Amino acid sequence: MKFKAEIDVMPLDALLDPQGKAVSSSMKNLGLESITNVRIGKHIRLEVEAPDEDEARKLVDQSCRKLLVNEIMEQYSFTISALQEA
């Protein structure tokens, strides 16, 4: 079966996010003072071939831990959904 994974990677809450801080400051300059504490991360979409959803979850988790995420500085979450065969 083929599955689609949607992965969100964000900086750890305890760490400074310079990009987010710059965007937060710019919001004030644009008259959007009510928008604060912006955090900037990344979104990754990928497809995985696996016999079932549990195996797909394991493969996506491994890819995050081994390559896509720096767990010292980032946290991640993901969703898995089955792709419809055409």
C-alpha atoms as a PDB file:
ATOM      1  CA  MET A   1       0.000   0.000   0.000  1.00  0.00           C
ATOM      2  CA  LYS A   2       1.027   3.552  -0.561  1.00  0.00           C
ATOM      3  CA  PHE A   3       0.658   6.187   2.159  1.00  0.00           C
ATOM      4  CA  LYS A   4       1.101   9.946   2.306  1.00  0.00           C
ATOM      5  CA  ALA A   5       2.820  11.504   5.313  1.00  0.00           C
ATOM      6  CA  GLU A   6       2.478  15.141   6.320  1.00  0.00           C
ATOM      7  CA  ILE A   7       5.292  16.101   8.718  1.00  0.00           C
ATOM      8  CA  ASP A   8       5.511  19.336  10.715  1.00  0.00           C
ATOM      9  CA  VAL A   9       8.865  20.299  12.200  1.00  0.00           C
ATOM     10  CA  MET A  10       9.123  23.177  14.674  1.00  0.00           C
ATOM     11  CA  PRO A  11      11.895  24.603  16.836  1.00  0.00           C
ATOM     12  CA  LEU A  12      11.722  23.469  20.456  1.00  0.00           C
ATOM     13  CA  ASP A  13       9.727  25.905  22.589  1.00  0.00           C
ATOM     14  CA  ALA A  14      12.709  26.511  24.885  1.00  0.00           C
ATOM     15  CA  LEU A  15      14.901  27.702  21.992  1.00  0.00           C
ATOM     16  CA  LEU A  16      15.054  31.137  20.404  1.00  0.00           C
ATOM     17  CA  ASP A  17      13.511  31.317  16.926  1.00  0.00           C
ATOM     18  CA  PRO A  18      15.253  34.263  15.197  1.00  0.00           C
ATOM     19  CA  GLN A  19      13.099  33.969  12.068  1.00  0.00           C
ATOM     20  CA  GLY A  20       9.914  33.960  14.113  1.00  0.00           C
ATOM     21  CA  LYS A  21      11.147  36.905  16.192  1.00  0.00           C
ATOM     22  CA  ALA A  22      11.845  38.924  13.025  1.00  0.00           C
ATOM     23  CA  VAL A  23       8.358  38.167  11.681  1.00  0.00           C
ATOM     24  CA  SER A  24       6.789  39.107  15.037  1.00  0.00           C
ATOM     25  CA  SER A  25       8.582  42.463  14.917  1.00  0.00           C
ATOM     26  CA  SER A  26       7.446  43.050  11.343  1.00  0.00           C
ATOM     27  CA  MET A  27       3.827  42.384  12.337  1.00  0.00           C
ATOM     28  CA  LYS A  28       3.980  45.438  14.637  1.00  0.00           C
ATOM     29  CA  ASN A  29       5.357  47.571  11.771  1.00  0.00           C
ATOM     30  CA  LEU A  30       2.429  46.457   9.585  1.00  0.00           C
ATOM     31  CA  GLY A  31      -0.143  47.441  12.197  1.00  0.00           C
ATOM     32  CA  LEU A  32      -0.776  43.837  13.248  1.00  0.00           C
ATOM     33  CA  GLU A  33       0.179  44.252  16.924  1.00  0.00           C
ATOM     34  CA  SER A  34      -2.222  41.525  18.033  1.00  0.00           C
ATOM     35  CA  ILE A  35      -0.082  38.861  16.297  1.00  0.00           C
ATOM     36  CA  THR A  36       2.781  37.807  18.578  1.00  0.00           C
ATOM     37  CA  ASN A  37       5.067  34.872  19.379  1.00  0.00           C
ATOM     38  CA  VAL A  38       5.465  33.736  15.768  1.00  0.00           C
ATOM     39  CA  ARG A  39       7.390  30.475  15.365  1.00  0.00           C
ATOM     40  CA  ILE A  40       8.668  29.402  11.944  1.00  0.00           C
ATOM     41  CA  GLY A  41       9.075  25.733  11.063  1.00  0.00           C
ATOM     42  CA  LYS A  42       8.903  23.482   8.026  1.00  0.00           C
ATOM     43  CA  HIS A  43       6.332  21.202   6.472  1.00  0.00           C
ATOM     44  CA  ILE A  44       7.381  18.025   4.646  1.00  0.00           C
ATOM     45  CA  ARG A  45       5.135  15.816   2.524  1.00  0.00           C
ATOM     46  CA  LEU A  46       6.270  12.408   1.341  1.00  0.00           C
ATOM     47  CA  GLU A  47       4.922   9.102   0.096  1.00  0.00           C
ATOM     48  CA  VAL A  48       5.872   5.740   1.542  1.00  0.00           C
ATOM     49  CA  GLU A  49       5.246   2.194   0.378  1.00  0.00           C
ATOM     50  CA  ALA A  50       4.424  -0.139   3.283  1.00  0.00           C
ATOM     51  CA  PRO A  51       2.294  -3.232   3.932  1.00  0.00           C
ATOM     52  CA  ASP A  52       0.121  -1.388   6.487  1.00  0.00           C
ATOM     53  CA  GLU A  53      -0.289   1.925   8.326  1.00  0.00           C
ATOM     54  CA  ASP A  54       1.693   0.827  11.384  1.00  0.00           C
ATOM     55  CA  GLU A  55       4.725   0.010   9.227  1.00  0.00           C
ATOM     56  CA  ALA A  56       4.317   3.302   7.344  1.00  0.00           C
ATOM     57  CA  ARG A  57       4.322   5.144  10.700  1.00  0.00           C
ATOM     58  CA  LYS A  58       7.520   3.364  11.729  1.00  0.00           C
ATOM     59  CA  LEU A  59       9.239   4.262   8.448  1.00  0.00           C
ATOM     60  CA  VAL A  60       8.206   7.917   8.646  1.00  0.00           C
ATOM     61  CA  ASP A  61       9.303   8.128  12.280  1.00  0.00           C
ATOM     62  CA  GLN A  62      12.698   6.637  11.355  1.00  0.00           C
ATOM     63  CA  SER A  63      13.114   9.121   8.501  1.00  0.00           C
ATOM     64  CA  CYS A  64      12.391  11.980  10.897  1.00  0.00           C
ATOM     65  CA  ARG A  65      14.803  10.742  13.561  1.00  0.00           C
ATOM     66  CA  LYS A  66      17.607   9.829  11.140  1.00  0.00           C
ATOM     67  CA  LEU A  67      17.453  12.656   8.598  1.00  0.00           C
ATOM     68  CA  LEU A  68      14.626  15.179   8.602  1.00  0.00           C
ATOM     69  CA  VAL A  69      14.699  16.459  12.188  1.00  0.00           C
ATOM     70  CA  ASN A  70      17.472  17.656  14.491  1.00  0.00           C
ATOM     71  CA  GLU A  71      15.975  16.443  17.773  1.00  0.00           C
ATOM     72  CA  ILE A  72      18.384  18.588  19.790  1.00  0.00           C
ATOM     73  CA  MET A  73      16.717  21.718  18.404  1.00  0.00           C
ATOM     74  CA  GLU A  74      13.435  20.599  16.822  1.00  0.00           C
ATOM     75  CA  GLN A  75      10.269  18.671  17.561  1.00  0.00           C
ATOM     76  CA  TYR A  76       8.017  16.985  15.028  1.00  0.00           C
ATOM     77  CA  SER A  77       4.598  15.503  14.496  1.00  0.00           C
ATOM     78  CA  PHE A  78       3.074  13.764  11.508  1.00  0.00           C
ATOM     79  CA  THR A  79      -0.090  12.298  10.055  1.00  0.00           C
ATOM     80  CA  ILE A  80      -0.404   9.319   7.748  1.00  0.00           C
ATOM     81  CA  SER A  81      -3.175   8.706   5.230  1.00  0.00           C
ATOM     82  CA  ALA A  82      -3.655   5.980   2.630  1.00  0.00           C
ATOM     83  CA  LEU A  83      -3.308   7.057  -0.994  1.00  0.00           C
ATOM     84  CA  GLN A  84      -6.014   5.949  -3.387  1.00  0.00           C
ATOM     85  CA  GLU A  85      -4.703   3.718  -6.147  1.00  0.00           C
ATOM     86  CA  ALA A  86      -5.455   5.142  -9.595  1.00  0.00           C
END
